[in-house]
Amino acid sequence: MALFREGVILMCAWVLWSQTLQTATQRVAWSVPQAFNSKEICDERLAVTLDGLKASGWTTVGNKGAGSAIAPKSGNLMNLVCLPDTVDPRQPKQ
């Protein structure tokens, strides 16, 4: 999406964030698998990712823009969310 402001074009990207919780260690890891030019494309990629996890035996839930998956044996949890590139969902570092 492009925003026009005083003759300048500002590009807005959408980022597919992935948060993984390893249940055995309670370790949380964040990653950014991909970024996209529109929210619609990000949402589509998120849905494809959840479908792939479900086909691999994960339990999945989700709707447009966000979803979660639980691994069948380990119980590890993966949360996926599409956010504008100006938003960082990670907690502040201490």
N, C-alpha and C. Protein backbone atom coordinates (compact mmCIF):
# COMPACT_ATOMS: atom_id res chain seq x y z
N MET A 1 0.85 -1.15 0.00
CA MET A 1 0.00 0.00 0.00
C MET A 1 0.90 1.22 0.00
N ALA A 2 0.55 2.22 -0.77
CA ALA A 2 1.33 3.45 -0.83
C ALA A 2 0.52 4.60 -0.26
N LEU A 3 1.16 5.41 0.53
CA LEU A 3 0.55 6.61 1.07
C LEU A 3 1.25 7.81 0.46
N PHE A 4 0.50 8.81 0.08
CA PHE A 4 1.07 10.00 -0.52
C PHE A 4 1.05 11.12 0.51
N ARG A 5 2.19 11.76 0.69
CA ARG A 5 2.28 12.83 1.68
C ARG A 5 3.25 13.87 1.17
N GLU A 6 2.75 15.05 0.85
CA GLU A 6 3.56 16.17 0.39
C GLU A 6 4.52 15.76 -0.72
N GLY A 7 4.00 15.04 -1.70
CA GLY A 7 4.82 14.67 -2.85
C GLY A 7 5.73 13.48 -2.62
N VAL A 8 5.68 12.88 -1.43
CA VAL A 8 6.52 11.74 -1.11
C VAL A 8 5.63 10.50 -1.04
N ILE A 9 6.11 9.41 -1.58
CA ILE A 9 5.38 8.16 -1.51
C ILE A 9 5.95 7.34 -0.35
N LEU A 10 5.10 7.00 0.60
CA LEU A 10 5.50 6.17 1.73
C LEU A 10 4.95 4.77 1.50
N MET A 11 5.81 3.79 1.49
CA MET A 11 5.39 2.41 1.27
C MET A 11 5.14 1.74 2.62
N CYS A 12 4.03 1.02 2.71
CA CYS A 12 3.69 0.28 3.92
C CYS A 12 3.79 -1.21 3.62
N ALA A 13 4.61 -1.90 4.36
CA ALA A 13 4.74 -3.33 4.20
C ALA A 13 4.00 -4.03 5.34
N TRP A 14 3.62 -5.26 5.08
CA TRP A 14 2.99 -6.10 6.10
C TRP A 14 3.92 -7.26 6.38
N VAL A 15 4.14 -7.54 7.65
CA VAL A 15 5.10 -8.54 8.08
C VAL A 15 4.36 -9.72 8.71
N LEU A 16 4.73 -10.92 8.28
CA LEU A 16 4.21 -12.14 8.90
C LEU A 16 5.16 -12.53 10.02
N TRP A 17 4.75 -12.27 11.26
CA TRP A 17 5.54 -12.60 12.44
C TRP A 17 5.20 -14.01 12.90
N SER A 18 6.21 -14.71 13.39
CA SER A 18 6.03 -16.04 13.95
C SER A 18 6.65 -16.07 15.35
N GLN A 19 5.86 -16.47 16.33
CA GLN A 19 6.34 -16.64 17.70
C GLN A 19 6.21 -18.11 18.04
N THR A 20 7.31 -18.73 18.48
CA THR A 20 7.30 -20.13 18.85
C THR A 20 7.61 -20.27 20.33
N LEU A 21 6.77 -21.02 21.03
CA LEU A 21 6.99 -21.32 22.44
C LEU A 21 7.34 -22.80 22.56
N GLN A 22 8.55 -23.08 23.05
CA GLN A 22 8.94 -24.46 23.31
C GLN A 22 8.43 -24.79 24.71
N THR A 23 7.45 -25.66 24.78
CA THR A 23 6.78 -25.91 26.06
C THR A 23 7.69 -26.54 27.11
N ALA A 24 8.63 -27.36 26.69
CA ALA A 24 9.51 -28.03 27.66
C ALA A 24 10.42 -27.04 28.39
N THR A 25 10.88 -26.03 27.68
CA THR A 25 11.83 -25.07 28.26
C THR A 25 11.21 -23.70 28.53
N GLN A 26 10.00 -23.48 28.04
CA GLN A 26 9.32 -22.17 28.11
C GLN A 26 10.10 -21.09 27.36
N ARG A 27 10.93 -21.50 26.43
CA ARG A 27 11.70 -20.56 25.61
C ARG A 27 10.81 -20.01 24.50
N VAL A 28 10.84 -18.70 24.32
CA VAL A 28 10.07 -18.04 23.27
C VAL A 28 11.04 -17.49 22.23
N ALA A 29 10.76 -17.75 20.97
CA ALA A 29 11.59 -17.24 19.88
C ALA A 29 10.68 -16.57 18.85
N TRP A 30 11.12 -15.43 18.36
CA TRP A 30 10.40 -14.69 17.31
C TRP A 30 11.17 -14.79 16.01
N SER A 31 10.44 -14.83 14.91
CA SER A 31 11.07 -14.76 13.60
C SER A 31 10.13 -14.02 12.65
N VAL A 32 10.72 -13.55 11.57
CA VAL A 32 9.96 -12.86 10.53
C VAL A 32 10.17 -13.65 9.24
N PRO A 33 9.28 -14.62 8.98
CA PRO A 33 9.45 -15.43 7.78
C PRO A 33 9.40 -14.62 6.48
N GLN A 34 8.47 -13.64 6.40
CA GLN A 34 8.31 -12.90 5.15
C GLN A 34 7.64 -11.56 5.39
N ALA A 35 7.82 -10.66 4.41
CA ALA A 35 7.11 -9.38 4.39
C ALA A 35 6.42 -9.24 3.03
N PHE A 36 5.32 -8.49 3.02
CA PHE A 36 4.49 -8.40 1.82
C PHE A 36 4.06 -6.96 1.57
N ASN A 37 3.62 -6.69 0.35
CA ASN A 37 3.19 -5.35 -0.03
C ASN A 37 1.78 -5.01 0.44
N SER A 38 1.00 -6.02 0.83
CA SER A 38 -0.38 -5.75 1.26
C SER A 38 -0.79 -6.70 2.37
N LYS A 39 -1.75 -6.27 3.16
CA LYS A 39 -2.29 -7.11 4.23
C LYS A 39 -2.97 -8.34 3.66
N GLU A 40 -3.65 -8.18 2.55
CA GLU A 40 -4.35 -9.31 1.94
C GLU A 40 -3.39 -10.43 1.58
N ILE A 41 -2.24 -10.07 1.00
CA ILE A 41 -1.25 -11.09 0.62
C ILE A 41 -0.66 -11.74 1.87
N CYS A 42 -0.39 -10.94 2.89
CA CYS A 42 0.13 -11.48 4.15
C CYS A 42 -0.87 -12.46 4.76
N ASP A 43 -2.15 -12.07 4.79
CA ASP A 43 -3.19 -12.95 5.32
C ASP A 43 -3.27 -14.26 4.55
N GLU A 44 -3.15 -14.18 3.22
CA GLU A 44 -3.18 -15.39 2.39
C GLU A 44 -2.01 -16.31 2.73
N ARG A 45 -0.82 -15.74 2.91
CA ARG A 45 0.37 -16.54 3.22
C ARG A 45 0.23 -17.18 4.61
N LEU A 46 -0.34 -16.43 5.54
CA LEU A 46 -0.58 -16.98 6.88
C LEU A 46 -1.51 -18.18 6.79
N ALA A 47 -2.57 -18.07 6.01
CA ALA A 47 -3.52 -19.17 5.84
C ALA A 47 -2.85 -20.38 5.21
N VAL A 48 -2.00 -20.16 4.21
CA VAL A 48 -1.27 -21.25 3.56
C VAL A 48 -0.34 -21.93 4.57
N THR A 49 0.32 -21.14 5.40
CA THR A 49 1.22 -21.68 6.42
C THR A 49 0.44 -22.55 7.41
N LEU A 50 -0.70 -22.05 7.88
CA LEU A 50 -1.53 -22.85 8.80
C LEU A 50 -2.02 -24.13 8.15
N ASP A 51 -2.41 -24.06 6.88
CA ASP A 51 -2.86 -25.25 6.15
C ASP A 51 -1.73 -26.29 6.08
N GLY A 52 -0.51 -25.82 5.82
CA GLY A 52 0.64 -26.72 5.76
C GLY A 52 0.93 -27.38 7.10
N LEU A 53 0.83 -26.61 8.18
CA LEU A 53 1.04 -27.18 9.51
C LEU A 53 -0.05 -28.20 9.84
N LYS A 54 -1.29 -27.88 9.49
CA LYS A 54 -2.40 -28.81 9.73
C LYS A 54 -2.19 -30.11 8.97
N ALA A 55 -1.73 -30.01 7.73
CA ALA A 55 -1.47 -31.20 6.92
C ALA A 55 -0.35 -32.05 7.52
N SER A 56 0.52 -31.42 8.32
CA SER A 56 1.63 -32.13 8.97
C SER A 56 1.24 -32.67 10.34
N GLY A 57 -0.03 -32.53 10.72
CA GLY A 57 -0.49 -33.10 11.97
C GLY A 57 -0.66 -32.12 13.12
N TRP A 58 -0.34 -30.85 12.89
CA TRP A 58 -0.51 -29.84 13.94
C TRP A 58 -2.00 -29.54 14.10
N THR A 59 -2.39 -29.14 15.30
CA THR A 59 -3.73 -28.63 15.55
C THR A 59 -3.69 -27.13 15.31
N THR A 60 -4.57 -26.62 14.46
CA THR A 60 -4.52 -25.21 14.11
C THR A 60 -5.85 -24.51 14.37
N VAL A 61 -5.75 -23.24 14.69
CA VAL A 61 -6.91 -22.35 14.79
C VAL A 61 -6.48 -21.02 14.20
N GLY A 62 -7.42 -20.29 13.66
CA GLY A 62 -7.05 -18.99 13.13
C GLY A 62 -8.15 -18.37 12.33
N ASN A 63 -7.93 -17.10 12.09
CA ASN A 63 -8.83 -16.35 11.24
C ASN A 63 -7.99 -15.39 10.42
N LYS A 64 -8.62 -14.48 9.77
CA LYS A 64 -7.91 -13.55 8.89
C LYS A 64 -6.92 -12.71 9.70
N GLY A 65 -5.64 -12.86 9.40
CA GLY A 65 -4.63 -12.02 10.03
C GLY A 65 -3.91 -12.59 11.22
N ALA A 66 -4.42 -13.70 11.80
CA ALA A 66 -3.76 -14.29 12.97
C ALA A 66 -4.16 -15.76 13.09
N GLY A 67 -3.26 -16.55 13.66
CA GLY A 67 -3.55 -17.96 13.87
C GLY A 67 -2.55 -18.59 14.79
N SER A 68 -2.86 -19.80 15.26
CA SER A 68 -1.99 -20.54 16.15
C SER A 68 -1.98 -22.00 15.75
N ALA A 69 -0.89 -22.68 16.12
CA ALA A 69 -0.77 -24.11 15.83
C ALA A 69 -0.04 -24.78 16.99
N ILE A 70 -0.47 -26.00 17.32
CA ILE A 70 0.16 -26.78 18.39
C ILE A 70 0.73 -28.05 17.77
N ALA A 71 2.02 -28.31 18.05
CA ALA A 71 2.68 -29.50 17.52
C ALA A 71 2.09 -30.75 18.15
N PRO A 72 1.96 -31.84 17.37
CA PRO A 72 1.27 -33.03 17.85
C PRO A 72 1.95 -33.74 19.02
N LYS A 73 3.27 -33.84 19.04
CA LYS A 73 3.93 -34.61 20.10
C LYS A 73 4.53 -33.71 21.18
N SER A 74 5.22 -32.67 20.79
CA SER A 74 5.91 -31.82 21.77
C SER A 74 4.98 -30.84 22.47
N GLY A 75 3.87 -30.50 21.82
CA GLY A 75 2.98 -29.49 22.37
C GLY A 75 3.49 -28.07 22.18
N ASN A 76 4.59 -27.93 21.42
CA ASN A 76 5.10 -26.59 21.14
C ASN A 76 4.02 -25.77 20.46
N LEU A 77 4.00 -24.49 20.74
CA LEU A 77 2.97 -23.59 20.23
C LEU A 77 3.58 -22.58 19.28
N MET A 78 2.94 -22.37 18.14
CA MET A 78 3.37 -21.36 17.18
C MET A 78 2.21 -20.38 16.98
N ASN A 79 2.50 -19.11 17.16
CA ASN A 79 1.53 -18.05 16.90
C ASN A 79 1.98 -17.28 15.67
N LEU A 80 1.07 -17.00 14.77
CA LEU A 80 1.36 -16.25 13.55
C LEU A 80 0.45 -15.04 13.49
N VAL A 81 1.02 -13.90 13.07
CA VAL A 81 0.21 -12.69 12.96
C VAL A 81 0.78 -11.79 11.88
N CYS A 82 -0.10 -11.15 11.12
CA CYS A 82 0.29 -10.16 10.12
C CYS A 82 0.14 -8.78 10.73
N LEU A 83 1.22 -8.01 10.70
CA LEU A 83 1.22 -6.66 11.27
C LEU A 83 1.91 -5.69 10.32
N PRO A 84 1.56 -4.41 10.39
CA PRO A 84 2.28 -3.42 9.60
C PRO A 84 3.75 -3.40 10.01
N ASP A 85 4.61 -3.03 9.07
CA ASP A 85 6.05 -3.03 9.38
C ASP A 85 6.43 -2.03 10.46
N THR A 86 5.54 -1.16 10.84
CA THR A 86 5.82 -0.19 11.91
C THR A 86 5.53 -0.75 13.30
N VAL A 87 4.98 -1.97 13.37
CA VAL A 87 4.62 -2.59 14.64
C VAL A 87 5.54 -3.77 14.92
N ASP A 88 6.14 -3.78 16.11
CA ASP A 88 7.00 -4.88 16.54
C ASP A 88 6.33 -5.53 17.76
N PRO A 89 5.83 -6.77 17.63
CA PRO A 89 5.08 -7.39 18.72
C PRO A 89 5.94 -7.95 19.85
N ARG A 90 7.25 -7.98 19.66
CA ARG A 90 8.11 -8.51 20.72
C ARG A 90 8.08 -7.59 21.93
N GLN A 91 8.18 -8.19 23.10
CA GLN A 91 8.21 -7.40 24.32
C GLN A 91 9.52 -6.63 24.39
N PRO A 92 9.51 -5.48 25.05
CA PRO A 92 10.76 -4.71 25.17
C PRO A 92 11.84 -5.54 25.85
N LYS A 93 13.07 -5.39 25.37
CA LYS A 93 14.19 -6.10 25.98
C LYS A 93 14.51 -5.45 27.32
N GLN A 94 14.82 -6.30 28.29
CA GLN A 94 15.11 -5.79 29.63
C GLN A 94 16.58 -5.84 29.93
